[in-house]
Amino acid sequence: MTKNSPTIFLLILLFWGCNSPTNEIHEEPIRLTLSEANRLAELPLSCMHVEYPNKLNQTLAD
């Protein structure tokens, strides 16, 4: 065995693994109704009035 045998083996294994056939999964696109889309859009907007501390020590000192 030569000194480069493990390296060559790993390269062959890498290329063999990359060329193996894949099982493609065909998923349906996500469909939202107008009410669901509005509910999702309101989630981040409902937290906009919450004020968070600007400095980390304001939370650690409490």
N, C-alpha and C. Protein backbone atom coordinates (compact mmCIF):
# COMPACT_ATOMS: atom_id res chain seq x y z
N MET A 1 0.84 -1.18 0.00
CA MET A 1 0.00 0.00 0.00
C MET A 1 0.88 1.24 0.00
N THR A 2 0.43 2.21 -0.71
CA THR A 2 1.21 3.44 -0.77
C THR A 2 0.73 4.41 0.29
N LYS A 3 1.44 5.48 0.38
CA LYS A 3 1.15 6.50 1.38
C LYS A 3 -0.16 7.24 1.06
N ASN A 4 -0.51 7.32 -0.22
CA ASN A 4 -1.70 8.07 -0.63
C ASN A 4 -2.94 7.20 -0.75
N SER A 5 -2.87 5.95 -0.38
CA SER A 5 -4.02 5.05 -0.52
C SER A 5 -5.26 5.54 0.22
N PRO A 6 -5.15 5.98 1.48
CA PRO A 6 -6.37 6.47 2.16
C PRO A 6 -6.97 7.70 1.47
N THR A 7 -6.12 8.57 0.96
CA THR A 7 -6.61 9.76 0.27
C THR A 7 -7.34 9.39 -1.00
N ILE A 8 -6.76 8.47 -1.76
CA ILE A 8 -7.40 8.03 -3.01
C ILE A 8 -8.72 7.33 -2.70
N PHE A 9 -8.73 6.50 -1.66
CA PHE A 9 -9.96 5.81 -1.28
C PHE A 9 -11.05 6.81 -0.90
N LEU A 10 -10.72 7.83 -0.13
CA LEU A 10 -11.70 8.84 0.27
C LEU A 10 -12.22 9.63 -0.93
N LEU A 11 -11.35 9.93 -1.88
CA LEU A 11 -11.79 10.65 -3.08
C LEU A 11 -12.74 9.79 -3.92
N ILE A 12 -12.41 8.51 -4.06
CA ILE A 12 -13.30 7.61 -4.81
C ILE A 12 -14.64 7.50 -4.11
N LEU A 13 -14.61 7.36 -2.80
CA LEU A 13 -15.84 7.27 -2.03
C LEU A 13 -16.67 8.54 -2.16
N LEU A 14 -16.02 9.69 -2.14
CA LEU A 14 -16.71 10.96 -2.28
C LEU A 14 -17.39 11.07 -3.63
N PHE A 15 -16.66 10.78 -4.71
CA PHE A 15 -17.24 10.86 -6.04
C PHE A 15 -18.34 9.82 -6.26
N TRP A 16 -18.19 8.65 -5.69
CA TRP A 16 -19.21 7.62 -5.82
C TRP A 16 -20.49 8.04 -5.10
N GLY A 17 -20.32 8.64 -3.94
CA GLY A 17 -21.49 9.10 -3.18
C GLY A 17 -22.20 10.26 -3.84
N CYS A 18 -21.45 11.11 -4.51
CA CYS A 18 -22.06 12.27 -5.18
C CYS A 18 -22.79 11.86 -6.45
N ASN A 19 -22.42 10.76 -7.06
CA ASN A 19 -23.03 10.34 -8.31
C ASN A 19 -24.16 9.33 -8.13
N SER A 20 -24.48 9.01 -6.89
CA SER A 20 -25.55 8.03 -6.68
C SER A 20 -26.89 8.66 -7.02
N PRO A 21 -27.82 7.86 -7.54
CA PRO A 21 -29.13 8.41 -7.91
C PRO A 21 -29.88 8.86 -6.66
N THR A 22 -30.61 9.93 -6.79
CA THR A 22 -31.37 10.45 -5.66
C THR A 22 -32.84 10.19 -5.86
N ASN A 23 -33.52 10.05 -4.79
CA ASN A 23 -34.97 9.91 -4.83
C ASN A 23 -35.55 11.31 -4.69
N GLU A 24 -36.04 11.83 -5.78
CA GLU A 24 -36.59 13.17 -5.75
C GLU A 24 -37.98 13.14 -5.13
N ILE A 25 -38.19 14.05 -4.22
CA ILE A 25 -39.48 14.17 -3.56
C ILE A 25 -40.21 15.36 -4.17
N HIS A 26 -41.35 15.10 -4.72
CA HIS A 26 -42.13 16.17 -5.32
C HIS A 26 -43.19 16.60 -4.31
N GLU A 27 -42.97 17.77 -3.74
CA GLU A 27 -43.91 18.28 -2.77
C GLU A 27 -44.81 19.32 -3.43
N GLU A 28 -46.03 19.37 -2.97
CA GLU A 28 -46.94 20.37 -3.48
C GLU A 28 -46.61 21.72 -2.86
N PRO A 29 -46.78 22.80 -3.61
CA PRO A 29 -46.52 24.11 -3.05
C PRO A 29 -47.53 24.44 -1.94
N ILE A 30 -47.09 25.25 -1.01
CA ILE A 30 -47.96 25.64 0.09
C ILE A 30 -49.01 26.61 -0.43
N ARG A 31 -50.24 26.32 -0.11
CA ARG A 31 -51.34 27.18 -0.55
C ARG A 31 -51.98 27.80 0.68
N LEU A 32 -52.08 29.12 0.67
CA LEU A 32 -52.68 29.85 1.77
C LEU A 32 -53.96 30.52 1.31
N THR A 33 -54.92 30.52 2.20
CA THR A 33 -56.11 31.30 1.92
C THR A 33 -55.79 32.74 2.32
N LEU A 34 -56.67 33.65 1.95
CA LEU A 34 -56.46 35.06 2.27
C LEU A 34 -56.46 35.28 3.78
N SER A 35 -57.33 34.59 4.49
CA SER A 35 -57.38 34.76 5.95
C SER A 35 -56.11 34.21 6.62
N GLU A 36 -55.58 33.09 6.13
CA GLU A 36 -54.33 32.55 6.69
C GLU A 36 -53.16 33.48 6.41
N ALA A 37 -53.11 34.03 5.21
CA ALA A 37 -52.02 34.96 4.86
C ALA A 37 -52.10 36.21 5.71
N ASN A 38 -53.29 36.72 5.95
CA ASN A 38 -53.43 37.90 6.80
C ASN A 38 -53.02 37.61 8.23
N ARG A 39 -53.38 36.42 8.73
CA ARG A 39 -52.99 36.04 10.10
C ARG A 39 -51.47 35.95 10.22
N LEU A 40 -50.80 35.36 9.22
CA LEU A 40 -49.34 35.27 9.25
C LEU A 40 -48.69 36.65 9.15
N ALA A 41 -49.29 37.55 8.39
CA ALA A 41 -48.74 38.89 8.26
C ALA A 41 -48.90 39.69 9.54
N GLU A 42 -49.94 39.40 10.31
CA GLU A 42 -50.18 40.14 11.55
C GLU A 42 -49.28 39.70 12.70
N LEU A 43 -48.70 38.51 12.63
CA LEU A 43 -47.88 38.01 13.74
C LEU A 43 -46.70 38.93 14.09
N PRO A 44 -45.84 39.31 13.14
CA PRO A 44 -44.74 40.21 13.52
C PRO A 44 -45.23 41.62 13.82
N LEU A 45 -46.33 42.04 13.21
CA LEU A 45 -46.84 43.39 13.45
C LEU A 45 -47.41 43.54 14.85
N SER A 46 -47.86 42.46 15.45
CA SER A 46 -48.44 42.55 16.79
C SER A 46 -47.38 42.79 17.86
N CYS A 47 -46.12 42.53 17.56
CA CYS A 47 -45.04 42.71 18.54
C CYS A 47 -44.28 44.02 18.36
N MET A 48 -44.67 44.83 17.41
CA MET A 48 -43.89 46.04 17.13
C MET A 48 -43.92 47.05 18.28
N HIS A 49 -44.96 47.03 19.10
CA HIS A 49 -45.06 48.01 20.18
C HIS A 49 -44.24 47.61 21.41
N VAL A 50 -43.71 46.39 21.47
CA VAL A 50 -42.91 45.92 22.61
C VAL A 50 -41.52 46.53 22.52
N GLU A 51 -41.11 47.19 23.60
CA GLU A 51 -39.79 47.82 23.61
C GLU A 51 -38.80 46.90 24.30
N TYR A 52 -37.70 46.66 23.64
CA TYR A 52 -36.65 45.81 24.18
C TYR A 52 -35.48 46.67 24.63
N PRO A 53 -34.72 46.22 25.63
CA PRO A 53 -33.58 47.01 26.10
C PRO A 53 -32.51 47.11 25.02
N ASN A 54 -31.85 48.27 24.99
CA ASN A 54 -30.81 48.50 24.01
C ASN A 54 -29.45 47.97 24.46
N LYS A 55 -29.30 47.80 25.76
CA LYS A 55 -28.01 47.32 26.29
C LYS A 55 -28.24 45.99 26.98
N LEU A 56 -27.28 45.10 26.84
CA LEU A 56 -27.40 43.77 27.43
C LEU A 56 -27.38 43.83 28.94
N ASN A 57 -26.65 44.75 29.54
CA ASN A 57 -26.58 44.80 31.00
C ASN A 57 -27.89 45.22 31.63
N GLN A 58 -28.82 45.80 30.87
CA GLN A 58 -30.12 46.13 31.42
C GLN A 58 -30.92 44.88 31.74
N THR A 59 -30.69 43.81 31.03
CA THR A 59 -31.41 42.57 31.30
C THR A 59 -30.65 41.70 32.30
N LEU A 60 -29.31 41.76 32.29
CA LEU A 60 -28.53 40.91 33.20
C LEU A 60 -28.55 41.42 34.62
N ALA A 61 -28.72 42.72 34.82
CA ALA A 61 -28.68 43.30 36.16
C ALA A 61 -29.98 43.05 36.91
N ASP A 62 -31.05 42.77 36.22
CA ASP A 62 -32.34 42.59 36.87
C ASP A 62 -32.43 41.29 37.62
